[in-house]
């Protein structure tokens, strides 16, 4: 009996450990009681609310407590988001569809199916500021956001073009180094998406950095090693290749040897022209032979002289024939070749 109880207890413990539990508090006086859990598989859509990302919805109780639990999540680390907003039920469908909800609060975190995550109130009943989890990578995004806040403060200290340029250069590297130090490549993607955003002031630094910095290939290797089958890895690989192709194209070098291609085309064109000319010449030779075969040997000899524009008298003298015999041969040639004159005969043999 005791053994059975022990086995049941162990089984129950195993089941509990195999489930995730994400819980926390929202201020019921400030937020609606609907709380949403989303999975982020496109790191370009980390910020915002998207209907296609939402995987669960729960309702906070009168104290503001909410909890998501189950065992349907991925066994590997993935990016998740919990968010609340002040939208009414009639507004939520539209806001969640276009990814924009101006009056919302959200938290990004890293988790897997066996993780426990708690989001207690912080100072002043602020929500989603503190993360408690058994996953040491869970609060990576909170750390990054904290650093970005420091960056915004540095920009706002002196609002000048010179200060902005100096801070761009400094914070670009600062964010990059910080992401690498986190030792979590999907958290690095949060920084990469920010630095490579085309609408960001830092994008020009990203373009220059991409030319020579091996960081991007190392990040790809880290992703392939840790998350070979995750959508983030494929997305990053495709984006990196596309950006490098665009960079090479803007520099007039797409990695393709256009001069070689041009020489190959010209060479092929030359040989094709020679081939076609040879075929025409062969066809002409064949046609000429067929026409001449219609004539007798003596008529062929007379024809050669006709094609040289010799007069009947000159042909007769050359062949030791009478002029009348030459005329007879000439008329026979016209009939057999189906022409009416010397010019007609010449048109068949002289091009």
C-alpha atoms as a PDB file:
ATOM      1  CA  UNK A   1       0.000   0.000   0.000  1.00  0.00           C
ATOM      2  CA  UNK A   2       2.754   2.386   0.964  1.00  0.00           C
ATOM      3  CA  UNK A   3       4.592   1.498  -2.232  1.00  0.00           C
ATOM      4  CA  UNK A   4       1.490   2.287  -4.282  1.00  0.00           C
ATOM      5  CA  UNK A   5       1.089   5.658  -2.560  1.00  0.00           C
ATOM      6  CA  UNK A   6       4.761   6.400  -3.181  1.00  0.00           C
ATOM      7  CA  UNK A   7       4.431   5.506  -6.865  1.00  0.00           C
ATOM      8  CA  UNK A   8       1.330   7.694  -7.202  1.00  0.00           C
ATOM      9  CA  UNK A   9       3.166  10.549  -5.504  1.00  0.00           C
ATOM     10  CA  UNK A  10       6.169  10.176  -7.818  1.00  0.00           C
ATOM     11  CA  UNK A  11       3.913   9.985 -10.875  1.00  0.00           C
ATOM     12  CA  UNK A  12       2.038  13.082  -9.765  1.00  0.00           C
ATOM     13  CA  UNK A  13       5.333  14.887  -9.164  1.00  0.00           C
ATOM     14  CA  UNK A  14       6.538  13.952 -12.626  1.00  0.00           C
ATOM     15  CA  UNK A  15       3.321  15.198 -14.215  1.00  0.00           C
ATOM     16  CA  UNK A  16       3.568  18.460 -12.309  1.00  0.00           C
ATOM     17  CA  UNK A  17       7.176  18.919 -13.358  1.00  0.00           C
ATOM     18  CA  UNK A  18       6.238  18.327 -16.998  1.00  0.00           C
ATOM     19  CA  UNK A  19       3.857  21.281 -16.991  1.00  0.00           C
ATOM     20  CA  UNK A  20       4.508  24.967 -17.322  1.00  0.00           C
ATOM     21  CA  UNK A  21       3.066  27.571 -15.006  1.00  0.00           C
ATOM     22  CA  UNK A  22       3.168  31.295 -15.792  1.00  0.00           C
ATOM     23  CA  UNK A  23       1.451  33.408 -13.150  1.00  0.00           C
ATOM     24  CA  UNK A  24       1.406  36.962 -11.944  1.00  0.00           C
ATOM     25  CA  UNK A  25      -0.631  39.968 -10.968  1.00  0.00           C
ATOM     26  CA  UNK A  26      -2.185  42.872 -12.810  1.00  0.00           C
ATOM     27  CA  UNK A  27      -3.743  45.909 -11.227  1.00  0.00           C
ATOM     28  CA  UNK A  28      -7.507  45.400 -11.686  1.00  0.00           C
ATOM     29  CA  UNK A  29      -8.102  49.103 -11.209  1.00  0.00           C
ATOM     30  CA  UNK A  30      -5.906  49.937 -14.182  1.00  0.00           C
ATOM     31  CA  UNK A  31      -6.204  47.031 -16.626  1.00  0.00           C
ATOM     32  CA  UNK A  32      -8.900  44.858 -18.086  1.00  0.00           C
ATOM     33  CA  UNK A  33      -9.018  41.406 -16.495  1.00  0.00           C
ATOM     34  CA  UNK A  34      -8.192  39.602 -19.785  1.00  0.00           C
ATOM     35  CA  UNK A  35      -4.570  38.415 -19.967  1.00  0.00           C
ATOM     36  CA  UNK A  36      -3.034  36.925 -23.118  1.00  0.00           C
ATOM     37  CA  UNK A  37      -0.157  34.503 -23.696  1.00  0.00           C
ATOM     38  CA  UNK A  38       1.543  34.553 -27.114  1.00  0.00           C
ATOM     39  CA  UNK A  39       4.391  32.665 -28.734  1.00  0.00           C
ATOM     40  CA  UNK A  40       6.725  34.802 -30.844  1.00  0.00           C
ATOM     41  CA  UNK A  41       8.132  32.889 -33.804  1.00  0.00           C
ATOM     42  CA  UNK A  42       8.990  35.981 -35.867  1.00  0.00           C
ATOM     43  CA  UNK A  43      11.548  38.132 -34.072  1.00  0.00           C
ATOM     44  CA  UNK A  44      10.486  41.118 -36.172  1.00  0.00           C
ATOM     45  CA  UNK A  45       7.162  40.941 -34.318  1.00  0.00           C
ATOM     46  CA  UNK A  46       8.418  40.990 -30.751  1.00  0.00           C
ATOM     47  CA  UNK A  47       6.860  44.340 -29.985  1.00  0.00           C
ATOM     48  CA  UNK A  48       3.117  44.621 -30.443  1.00  0.00           C
ATOM     49  CA  UNK A  49       0.096  42.387 -30.201  1.00  0.00           C
ATOM     50  CA  UNK A  50      -0.698  39.980 -33.033  1.00  0.00           C
ATOM     51  CA  UNK A  51      -3.733  37.707 -33.170  1.00  0.00           C
ATOM     52  CA  UNK A  52      -1.825  34.920 -34.928  1.00  0.00           C
ATOM     53  CA  UNK A  53       0.641  34.733 -32.020  1.00  0.00           C
ATOM     54  CA  UNK A  54      -1.892  34.352 -29.195  1.00  0.00           C
ATOM     55  CA  UNK A  55      -2.052  30.798 -27.847  1.00  0.00           C
ATOM     56  CA  UNK A  56      -3.992  31.260 -24.592  1.00  0.00           C
ATOM     57  CA  UNK A  57      -6.238  33.711 -22.791  1.00  0.00           C
ATOM     58  CA  UNK A  58      -7.142  33.785 -19.118  1.00  0.00           C
ATOM     59  CA  UNK A  59      -9.023  36.077 -16.753  1.00  0.00           C
ATOM     60  CA  UNK A  60      -7.503  37.670 -13.679  1.00  0.00           C
ATOM     61  CA  UNK A  61      -9.469  37.377 -10.453  1.00  0.00           C
ATOM     62  CA  UNK A  62     -10.594  40.267  -8.251  1.00  0.00           C
ATOM     63  CA  UNK A  63      -7.087  40.543  -6.745  1.00  0.00           C
ATOM     64  CA  UNK A  64      -5.514  40.727 -10.191  1.00  0.00           C
ATOM     65  CA  UNK A  65      -3.997  37.231 -10.019  1.00  0.00           C
ATOM     66  CA  UNK A  66      -3.792  35.219 -13.235  1.00  0.00           C
ATOM     67  CA  UNK A  67      -2.153  31.962 -14.283  1.00  0.00           C
ATOM     68  CA  UNK A  68      -1.413  30.033 -17.461  1.00  0.00           C
ATOM     69  CA  UNK A  69      -0.595  26.360 -17.076  1.00  0.00           C
ATOM     70  CA  UNK A  70      -0.504  23.194 -19.137  1.00  0.00           C
ATOM     71  CA  UNK A  71       1.915  21.052 -21.092  1.00  0.00           C
ATOM     72  CA  UNK A  72       1.446  22.173 -24.702  1.00  0.00           C
ATOM     73  CA  UNK A  73       4.565  24.343 -25.075  1.00  0.00           C
ATOM     74  CA  UNK A  74       7.786  23.439 -26.826  1.00  0.00           C
ATOM     75  CA  UNK A  75      10.366  21.422 -24.923  1.00  0.00           C
ATOM     76  CA  UNK A  76      13.078  23.876 -26.031  1.00  0.00           C
ATOM     77  CA  UNK A  77      13.392  27.538 -25.156  1.00  0.00           C
ATOM     78  CA  UNK A  78      11.128  29.804 -27.177  1.00  0.00           C
ATOM     79  CA  UNK A  79      10.132  33.460 -26.984  1.00  0.00           C
ATOM     80  CA  UNK A  80       6.798  34.163 -25.295  1.00  0.00           C
ATOM     81  CA  UNK A  81       4.839  37.294 -24.487  1.00  0.00           C
ATOM     82  CA  UNK A  82       2.251  38.038 -21.819  1.00  0.00           C
ATOM     83  CA  UNK A  83       0.221  41.185 -22.309  1.00  0.00           C
ATOM     84  CA  UNK A  84      -2.742  43.104 -20.954  1.00  0.00           C
ATOM     85  CA  UNK A  85      -4.526  46.087 -22.432  1.00  0.00           C
ATOM     86  CA  UNK A  86      -7.406  48.469 -21.841  1.00  0.00           C
ATOM     87  CA  UNK A  87      -9.214  47.608 -25.040  1.00  0.00           C
ATOM     88  CA  UNK A  88     -12.810  46.516 -24.812  1.00  0.00           C
ATOM     89  CA  UNK A  89     -13.832  43.183 -26.277  1.00  0.00           C
ATOM     90  CA  UNK A  90     -15.206  44.931 -29.358  1.00  0.00           C
ATOM     91  CA  UNK A  91     -11.867  46.731 -29.952  1.00  0.00           C
ATOM     92  CA  UNK A  92      -9.522  43.837 -29.282  1.00  0.00           C
ATOM     93  CA  UNK A  93     -10.046  41.974 -32.554  1.00  0.00           C
ATOM     94  CA  UNK A  94      -9.016  45.031 -34.577  1.00  0.00           C
ATOM     95  CA  UNK A  95      -6.057  45.899 -32.331  1.00  0.00           C
ATOM     96  CA  UNK A  96      -4.764  42.333 -32.248  1.00  0.00           C
ATOM     97  CA  UNK A  97      -5.119  42.075 -36.020  1.00  0.00           C
ATOM     98  CA  UNK A  98      -2.962  45.096 -36.900  1.00  0.00           C
ATOM     99  CA  UNK A  99      -0.375  44.464 -34.179  1.00  0.00           C
ATOM    100  CA  UNK A 100      -0.924  47.828 -32.517  1.00  0.00           C
ATOM    101  CA  UNK A 101      -2.488  48.493 -29.162  1.00  0.00           C
ATOM    102  CA  UNK A 102      -1.512  51.905 -27.873  1.00  0.00           C
ATOM    103  CA  UNK A 103      -2.804  51.293 -24.352  1.00  0.00           C
ATOM    104  CA  UNK A 104      -1.209  47.980 -23.378  1.00  0.00           C
ATOM    105  CA  UNK A 105       1.523  46.477 -21.235  1.00  0.00           C
ATOM    106  CA  UNK A 106       3.591  43.491 -22.296  1.00  0.00           C
ATOM    107  CA  UNK A 107       6.467  41.302 -21.181  1.00  0.00           C
ATOM    108  CA  UNK A 108       8.760  39.196 -23.354  1.00  0.00           C
ATOM    109  CA  UNK A 109      10.435  36.187 -21.784  1.00  0.00           C
ATOM    110  CA  UNK A 110      12.154  32.923 -22.631  1.00  0.00           C
ATOM    111  CA  UNK A 111      10.597  29.687 -21.464  1.00  0.00           C
ATOM    112  CA  UNK A 112       9.960  26.030 -22.230  1.00  0.00           C
ATOM    113  CA  UNK A 113       7.286  23.500 -21.337  1.00  0.00           C
ATOM    114  CA  UNK A 114       8.664  22.641 -17.882  1.00  0.00           C
ATOM    115  CA  UNK A 115       9.230  26.219 -16.643  1.00  0.00           C
ATOM    116  CA  UNK A 116       7.671  28.111 -13.775  1.00  0.00           C
ATOM    117  CA  UNK A 117       7.408  31.874 -14.156  1.00  0.00           C
ATOM    118  CA  UNK A 118       6.078  34.390 -11.635  1.00  0.00           C
ATOM    119  CA  UNK A 119       5.431  38.071 -12.276  1.00  0.00           C
ATOM    120  CA  UNK A 120       4.798  39.793  -8.951  1.00  0.00           C
ATOM    121  CA  UNK A 121       3.952  43.452  -8.508  1.00  0.00           C
ATOM    122  CA  UNK A 122       6.956  45.756  -8.390  1.00  0.00           C
ATOM    123  CA  UNK A 123       7.115  49.228  -6.864  1.00  0.00           C
ATOM    124  CA  UNK A 124       3.882  51.203  -7.143  1.00  0.00           C
ATOM    125  CA  UNK A 125       1.944  48.114  -8.239  1.00  0.00           C
ATOM    126  CA  UNK A 126       3.728  48.198 -11.589  1.00  0.00           C
ATOM    127  CA  UNK A 127       3.206  45.070 -13.672  1.00  0.00           C
ATOM    128  CA  UNK A 128       5.675  43.011 -15.683  1.00  0.00           C
ATOM    129  CA  UNK A 129       8.814  44.598 -14.215  1.00  0.00           C
ATOM    130  CA  UNK A 130      10.096  41.658 -12.172  1.00  0.00           C
ATOM    131  CA  UNK A 131      10.570  38.095 -13.397  1.00  0.00           C
ATOM    132  CA  UNK A 132      11.049  35.098 -11.105  1.00  0.00           C
ATOM    133  CA  UNK A 133      11.696  31.831 -12.936  1.00  0.00           C
ATOM    134  CA  UNK A 134      13.528  28.530 -12.703  1.00  0.00           C
ATOM    135  CA  UNK A 135      14.829  29.251 -16.208  1.00  0.00           C
ATOM    136  CA  UNK A 136      17.964  31.435 -15.915  1.00  0.00           C
ATOM    137  CA  UNK A 137      17.363  32.808 -19.427  1.00  0.00           C
ATOM    138  CA  UNK A 138      13.808  33.954 -18.695  1.00  0.00           C
ATOM    139  CA  UNK A 139      14.610  37.572 -17.858  1.00  0.00           C
ATOM    140  CA  UNK A 140      17.083  38.213 -20.727  1.00  0.00           C
ATOM    141  CA  UNK A 141      14.651  40.590 -22.446  1.00  0.00           C
ATOM    142  CA  UNK A 142      14.083  42.522 -19.225  1.00  0.00           C
ATOM    143  CA  UNK A 143      17.848  43.073 -18.998  1.00  0.00           C
ATOM    144  CA  UNK A 144      18.005  44.228 -22.605  1.00  0.00           C
ATOM    145  CA  UNK A 145      15.102  46.640 -22.116  1.00  0.00           C
ATOM    146  CA  UNK A 146      16.843  48.043 -19.035  1.00  0.00           C
ATOM    147  CA  UNK A 147      19.977  48.711 -21.089  1.00  0.00           C
ATOM    148  CA  UNK A 148      17.889  50.331 -23.843  1.00  0.00           C
ATOM    149  CA  UNK A 149      16.369  52.645 -21.250  1.00  0.00           C
ATOM    150  CA  UNK A 150      19.885  53.678 -20.204  1.00  0.00           C
ATOM    151  CA  UNK A 151      20.598  54.338 -23.869  1.00  0.00           C
ATOM    152  CA  UNK A 152      17.527  56.569 -24.234  1.00  0.00           C
ATOM    153  CA  UNK A 153      18.614  58.550 -21.200  1.00  0.00           C
ATOM    154  CA  UNK A 154      22.062  59.088 -22.741  1.00  0.00           C
ATOM    155  CA  UNK A 155      20.482  60.366 -25.944  1.00  0.00           C
ATOM    156  CA  UNK A 156      18.226  62.748 -24.081  1.00  0.00           C
ATOM    157  CA  UNK A 157      20.990  64.332 -22.008  1.00  0.00           C
ATOM    158  CA  UNK A 158      22.096  66.593 -24.864  1.00  0.00           C
ATOM    159  CA  UNK A 159      19.788  66.861 -27.877  1.00  0.00           C
ATOM    160  CA  UNK A 160      22.332  67.674 -30.556  1.00  0.00           C
ATOM    161  CA  UNK A 161      23.360  66.042 -33.809  1.00  0.00           C
ATOM    162  CA  UNK A 162      26.915  65.542 -32.533  1.00  0.00           C
ATOM    163  CA  UNK A 163      25.686  63.832 -29.368  1.00  0.00           C
ATOM    164  CA  UNK A 164      23.349  61.608 -31.368  1.00  0.00           C
ATOM    165  CA  UNK A 165      26.146  60.427 -33.687  1.00  0.00           C
ATOM    166  CA  UNK A 166      28.512  59.706 -30.799  1.00  0.00           C
ATOM    167  CA  UNK A 167      25.809  57.768 -28.973  1.00  0.00           C
ATOM    168  CA  UNK A 168      24.868  55.817 -32.110  1.00  0.00           C
ATOM    169  CA  UNK A 169      28.414  54.561 -32.449  1.00  0.00           C
ATOM    170  CA  UNK A 170      28.794  53.807 -28.744  1.00  0.00           C
ATOM    171  CA  UNK A 171      25.460  52.081 -28.163  1.00  0.00           C
ATOM    172  CA  UNK A 172      25.576  50.031 -31.327  1.00  0.00           C
ATOM    173  CA  UNK A 173      28.629  48.175 -30.014  1.00  0.00           C
ATOM    174  CA  UNK A 174      27.396  48.290 -26.418  1.00  0.00           C
ATOM    175  CA  UNK A 175      24.171  46.499 -27.316  1.00  0.00           C
ATOM    176  CA  UNK A 176      25.979  44.000 -29.510  1.00  0.00           C
ATOM    177  CA  UNK A 177      28.504  43.087 -26.791  1.00  0.00           C
ATOM    178  CA  UNK A 178      25.752  42.878 -24.186  1.00  0.00           C
ATOM    179  CA  UNK A 179      23.735  40.478 -26.325  1.00  0.00           C
ATOM    180  CA  UNK A 180      26.722  38.200 -26.873  1.00  0.00           C
ATOM    181  CA  UNK A 181      27.469  38.179 -23.129  1.00  0.00           C
ATOM    182  CA  UNK A 182      23.944  36.933 -22.378  1.00  0.00           C
ATOM    183  CA  UNK A 183      24.949  33.566 -23.865  1.00  0.00           C
ATOM    184  CA  UNK A 184      21.446  33.111 -25.284  1.00  0.00           C
ATOM    185  CA  UNK A 185      21.252  33.504 -29.080  1.00  0.00           C
ATOM    186  CA  UNK A 186      17.473  34.008 -29.287  1.00  0.00           C
ATOM    187  CA  UNK A 187      17.851  36.912 -26.851  1.00  0.00           C
ATOM    188  CA  UNK A 188      20.563  38.309 -29.137  1.00  0.00           C
ATOM    189  CA  UNK A 189      17.980  38.346 -31.924  1.00  0.00           C
ATOM    190  CA  UNK A 190      16.030  40.919 -29.910  1.00  0.00           C
ATOM    191  CA  UNK A 191      19.055  43.211 -30.152  1.00  0.00           C
ATOM    192  CA  UNK A 192      19.819  42.257 -33.760  1.00  0.00           C
ATOM    193  CA  UNK A 193      16.275  43.105 -34.851  1.00  0.00           C
ATOM    194  CA  UNK A 194      16.645  46.512 -33.189  1.00  0.00           C
ATOM    195  CA  UNK A 195      20.067  47.313 -34.663  1.00  0.00           C
ATOM    196  CA  UNK A 196      19.160  46.126 -38.173  1.00  0.00           C
ATOM    197  CA  UNK A 197      15.745  47.781 -38.285  1.00  0.00           C
ATOM    198  CA  UNK A 198      15.650  49.876 -41.463  1.00  0.00           C
ATOM    199  CA  UNK A 199      13.689  52.613 -39.704  1.00  0.00           C
ATOM    200  CA  UNK A 200      16.298  52.948 -36.939  1.00  0.00           C
ATOM    201  CA  UNK A 201      19.097  55.532 -36.823  1.00  0.00           C
ATOM    202  CA  UNK A 202      21.430  52.622 -36.099  1.00  0.00           C
ATOM    203  CA  UNK A 203      20.705  50.876 -39.394  1.00  0.00           C
ATOM    204  CA  UNK A 204      23.522  52.697 -41.227  1.00  0.00           C
ATOM    205  CA  UNK A 205      25.979  51.399 -38.606  1.00  0.00           C
ATOM    206  CA  UNK A 206      24.580  47.904 -39.108  1.00  0.00           C
ATOM    207  CA  UNK A 207      25.181  48.131 -42.868  1.00  0.00           C
ATOM    208  CA  UNK A 208      28.805  49.167 -42.358  1.00  0.00           C
ATOM    209  CA  UNK A 209      29.345  46.633 -39.592  1.00  0.00           C
ATOM    210  CA  UNK A 210      27.986  43.817 -41.746  1.00  0.00           C
ATOM    211  CA  UNK A 211      30.787  44.326 -44.273  1.00  0.00           C
ATOM    212  CA  UNK A 212      33.639  43.140 -42.053  1.00  0.00           C
ATOM    213  CA  UNK A 213      32.392  42.027 -38.634  1.00  0.00           C
ATOM    214  CA  UNK A 214      32.366  38.258 -38.085  1.00  0.00           C
ATOM    215  CA  UNK A 215      29.835  38.690 -35.258  1.00  0.00           C
ATOM    216  CA  UNK A 216      26.891  37.913 -37.544  1.00  0.00           C
ATOM    217  CA  UNK A 217      28.302  34.598 -38.742  1.00  0.00           C
ATOM    218  CA  UNK A 218      29.110  33.655 -35.143  1.00  0.00           C
ATOM    219  CA  UNK A 219      25.535  34.448 -34.102  1.00  0.00           C
ATOM    220  CA  UNK A 220      24.324  32.223 -36.935  1.00  0.00           C
ATOM    221  CA  UNK A 221      26.560  29.407 -35.673  1.00  0.00           C
ATOM    222  CA  UNK A 222      25.235  29.840 -32.139  1.00  0.00           C
ATOM    223  CA  UNK A 223      21.661  29.669 -33.401  1.00  0.00           C
ATOM    224  CA  UNK A 224      22.318  26.602 -35.548  1.00  0.00           C
ATOM    225  CA  UNK A 225      23.997  24.848 -32.613  1.00  0.00           C
ATOM    226  CA  UNK A 226      21.381  25.691 -29.982  1.00  0.00           C
ATOM    227  CA  UNK A 227      18.223  25.936 -32.096  1.00  0.00           C
ATOM    228  CA  UNK A 228      18.729  24.044 -35.370  1.00  0.00           C
ATOM    229  CA  UNK A 229      14.991  23.560 -35.960  1.00  0.00           C
ATOM    230  CA  UNK A 230      13.625  26.811 -34.526  1.00  0.00           C
ATOM    231  CA  UNK A 231      11.959  29.301 -36.911  1.00  0.00           C
ATOM    232  CA  UNK A 232      14.254  32.073 -35.649  1.00  0.00           C
ATOM    233  CA  UNK A 233      17.319  30.319 -37.079  1.00  0.00           C
ATOM    234  CA  UNK A 234      15.905  30.020 -40.588  1.00  0.00           C
ATOM    235  CA  UNK A 235      14.582  33.576 -40.499  1.00  0.00           C
ATOM    236  CA  UNK A 236      17.944  34.989 -39.398  1.00  0.00           C
ATOM    237  CA  UNK A 237      19.856  32.963 -42.007  1.00  0.00           C
ATOM    238  CA  UNK A 238      17.586  34.181 -44.803  1.00  0.00           C
ATOM    239  CA  UNK A 239      17.729  37.808 -43.644  1.00  0.00           C
ATOM    240  CA  UNK A 240      21.511  37.743 -43.340  1.00  0.00           C
ATOM    241  CA  UNK A 241      21.914  36.372 -46.865  1.00  0.00           C
ATOM    242  CA  UNK A 242      19.440  38.925 -48.250  1.00  0.00           C
ATOM    243  CA  UNK A 243      21.173  41.868 -46.528  1.00  0.00           C
ATOM    244  CA  UNK A 244      24.579  40.756 -47.768  1.00  0.00           C
ATOM    245  CA  UNK A 245      23.274  40.359 -51.304  1.00  0.00           C
ATOM    246  CA  UNK A 246      21.798  43.873 -51.192  1.00  0.00           C
ATOM    247  CA  UNK A 247      25.069  45.199 -49.782  1.00  0.00           C
ATOM    248  CA  UNK A 248      27.094  43.601 -52.583  1.00  0.00           C
ATOM    249  CA  UNK A 249      24.631  44.845 -55.183  1.00  0.00           C
ATOM    250  CA  UNK A 250      24.885  48.430 -53.874  1.00  0.00           C
ATOM    251  CA  UNK A 251      28.671  48.179 -54.180  1.00  0.00           C
ATOM    252  CA  UNK A 252      28.389  46.968 -57.754  1.00  0.00           C
ATOM    253  CA  UNK A 253      29.498  43.484 -56.771  1.00  0.00           C
ATOM    254  CA  UNK A 254      26.860  40.797 -56.407  1.00  0.00           C
ATOM    255  CA  UNK A 255      29.458  38.068 -56.178  1.00  0.00           C
ATOM    256  CA  UNK A 256      28.853  37.158 -59.808  1.00  0.00           C
ATOM    257  CA  UNK A 257      31.541  37.696 -62.425  1.00  0.00           C
ATOM    258  CA  UNK A 258      29.593  39.613 -65.052  1.00  0.00           C
ATOM    259  CA  UNK A 259      32.664  40.075 -67.279  1.00  0.00           C
ATOM    260  CA  UNK A 260      33.138  36.333 -67.444  1.00  0.00           C
ATOM    261  CA  UNK A 261      29.429  35.925 -68.157  1.00  0.00           C
ATOM    262  CA  UNK A 262      29.656  38.475 -70.987  1.00  0.00           C
ATOM    263  CA  UNK A 263      32.673  36.741 -72.531  1.00  0.00           C
ATOM    264  CA  UNK A 264      30.888  33.409 -72.357  1.00  0.00           C
ATOM    265  CA  UNK A 265      27.823  34.850 -74.096  1.00  0.00           C
ATOM    266  CA  UNK A 266      29.955  36.484 -76.776  1.00  0.00           C
ATOM    267  CA  UNK A 267      31.877  33.246 -77.304  1.00  0.00           C
ATOM    268  CA  UNK A 268      28.699  31.226 -77.640  1.00  0.00           C
ATOM    269  CA  UNK A 269      27.280  33.822 -80.023  1.00  0.00           C
ATOM    270  CA  UNK A 270      30.425  33.709 -82.170  1.00  0.00           C
ATOM    271  CA  UNK A 271      30.411  29.929 -82.446  1.00  0.00           C
ATOM    272  CA  UNK A 272      26.688  29.875 -83.183  1.00  0.00           C
ATOM    273  CA  UNK A 273      27.164  32.424 -85.975  1.00  0.00           C
ATOM    274  CA  UNK A 274      30.018  30.398 -87.426  1.00  0.00           C
ATOM    275  CA  UNK A 275      27.877  27.274 -87.214  1.00  0.00           C
ATOM    276  CA  UNK A 276      24.919  28.890 -88.951  1.00  0.00           C
ATOM    277  CA  UNK A 277      27.137  30.403 -91.656  1.00  0.00           C
ATOM    278  CA  UNK A 278      28.689  27.010 -92.211  1.00  0.00           C
ATOM    279  CA  UNK A 279      25.257  25.434 -92.506  1.00  0.00           C
ATOM    280  CA  UNK A 280      24.180  28.082 -95.039  1.00  0.00           C
ATOM    281  CA  UNK A 281      27.378  27.538 -96.999  1.00  0.00           C
ATOM    282  CA  UNK A 282      26.850  23.771 -96.967  1.00  0.00           C
ATOM    283  CA  UNK A 283      23.252  24.187 -98.084  1.00  0.00           C
ATOM    284  CA  UNK A 284      24.374  26.519-100.849  1.00  0.00           C
ATOM    285  CA  UNK A 285      27.073  24.063-101.922  1.00  0.00           C
ATOM    286  CA  UNK A 286      24.566  21.253-101.952  1.00  0.00           C
ATOM    287  CA  UNK A 287      22.097  23.307-103.945  1.00  0.00           C
ATOM    288  CA  UNK A 288      24.817  24.356-106.410  1.00  0.00           C
ATOM    289  CA  UNK A 289      25.878  20.763-106.882  1.00  0.00           C
ATOM    290  CA  UNK A 290      22.288  19.662-107.477  1.00  0.00           C
ATOM    291  CA  UNK A 291      21.818  22.361-110.097  1.00  0.00           C
ATOM    292  CA  UNK A 292      25.048  21.557-111.868  1.00  0.00           C
ATOM    293  CA  UNK A 293      24.217  17.866-111.876  1.00  0.00           C
ATOM    294  CA  UNK A 294      21.308  18.717-114.202  1.00  0.00           C
ATOM    295  CA  UNK A 295      23.802  19.788-116.859  1.00  0.00           C
ATOM    296  CA  UNK A 296      26.088  17.792-119.098  1.00  0.00           C
ATOM    297  CA  UNK A 297      29.865  18.049-118.639  1.00  0.00           C
ATOM    298  CA  UNK A 298      30.176  20.417-121.618  1.00  0.00           C
ATOM    299  CA  UNK A 299      27.282  22.560-120.346  1.00  0.00           C
ATOM    300  CA  UNK A 300      28.917  22.796-116.911  1.00  0.00           C
ATOM    301  CA  UNK A 301      32.097  24.106-118.528  1.00  0.00           C
ATOM    302  CA  UNK A 302      30.128  26.676-120.541  1.00  0.00           C
ATOM    303  CA  UNK A 303      28.279  27.683-117.347  1.00  0.00           C
ATOM    304  CA  UNK A 304      31.552  28.443-115.557  1.00  0.00           C
ATOM    305  CA  UNK A 305      32.454  30.858-118.354  1.00  0.00           C
ATOM    306  CA  UNK A 306      28.979  32.416-118.317  1.00  0.00           C
ATOM    307  CA  UNK A 307      29.340  33.088-114.604  1.00  0.00           C
ATOM    308  CA  UNK A 308      32.581  34.954-115.418  1.00  0.00           C
ATOM    309  CA  UNK A 309      30.574  37.338-117.661  1.00  0.00           C
ATOM    310  CA  UNK A 310      32.370  36.219-120.818  1.00  0.00           C
ATOM    311  CA  UNK A 311      30.713  36.824-124.161  1.00  0.00           C
ATOM    312  CA  UNK A 312      29.678  33.968-126.409  1.00  0.00           C
ATOM    313  CA  UNK A 313      32.579  34.769-128.737  1.00  0.00           C
ATOM    314  CA  UNK A 314      35.083  34.700-125.850  1.00  0.00           C
ATOM    315  CA  UNK A 315      33.680  31.398-124.598  1.00  0.00           C
ATOM    316  CA  UNK A 316      33.873  29.915-128.102  1.00  0.00           C
ATOM    317  CA  UNK A 317      37.508  30.951-128.447  1.00  0.00           C
ATOM    318  CA  UNK A 318      38.401  29.574-125.005  1.00  0.00           C
ATOM    319  CA  UNK A 319      36.755  26.214-125.655  1.00  0.00           C
ATOM    320  CA  UNK A 320      37.605  25.993-129.336  1.00  0.00           C
ATOM    321  CA  UNK A 321      33.902  25.876-130.225  1.00  0.00           C
ATOM    322  CA  UNK A 322      31.766  27.754-132.708  1.00  0.00           C
ATOM    323  CA  UNK A 323      29.666  30.628-131.470  1.00  0.00           C
ATOM    324  CA  UNK A 324      26.486  28.793-132.534  1.00  0.00           C
ATOM    325  CA  UNK A 325      27.468  25.754-130.445  1.00  0.00           C
ATOM    326  CA  UNK A 326      28.021  28.011-127.430  1.00  0.00           C
ATOM    327  CA  UNK A 327      24.576  29.546-127.994  1.00  0.00           C
ATOM    328  CA  UNK A 328      23.028  26.072-128.138  1.00  0.00           C
ATOM    329  CA  UNK A 329      24.715  25.080-124.864  1.00  0.00           C
ATOM    330  CA  UNK A 330      23.612  28.369-123.300  1.00  0.00           C
ATOM    331  CA  UNK A 331      19.955  27.860-124.264  1.00  0.00           C
ATOM    332  CA  UNK A 332      20.065  24.302-122.896  1.00  0.00           C
ATOM    333  CA  UNK A 333      21.510  25.639-119.627  1.00  0.00           C
ATOM    334  CA  UNK A 334      18.671  28.174-119.320  1.00  0.00           C
ATOM    335  CA  UNK A 335      16.044  25.486-119.866  1.00  0.00           C
ATOM    336  CA  UNK A 336      17.537  23.006-117.391  1.00  0.00           C
ATOM    337  CA  UNK A 337      18.013  25.660-114.720  1.00  0.00           C
ATOM    338  CA  UNK A 338      14.595  27.167-115.433  1.00  0.00           C
ATOM    339  CA  UNK A 339      15.920  30.689-116.002  1.00  0.00           C
ATOM    340  CA  UNK A 340      15.536  33.160-118.868  1.00  0.00           C
ATOM    341  CA  UNK A 341      18.905  34.921-118.990  1.00  0.00           C
ATOM    342  CA  UNK A 342      22.483  35.067-117.802  1.00  0.00           C
ATOM    343  CA  UNK A 343      21.452  37.178-114.854  1.00  0.00           C
ATOM    344  CA  UNK A 344      18.955  34.494-113.877  1.00  0.00           C
ATOM    345  CA  UNK A 345      21.682  31.835-114.065  1.00  0.00           C
ATOM    346  CA  UNK A 346      24.086  33.985-112.029  1.00  0.00           C
ATOM    347  CA  UNK A 347      21.455  34.511-109.335  1.00  0.00           C
ATOM    348  CA  UNK A 348      21.491  30.775-108.671  1.00  0.00           C
ATOM    349  CA  UNK A 349      25.235  30.525-108.170  1.00  0.00           C
ATOM    350  CA  UNK A 350      26.539  33.953-107.216  1.00  0.00           C
ATOM    351  CA  UNK A 351      25.406  35.559-103.925  1.00  0.00           C
END
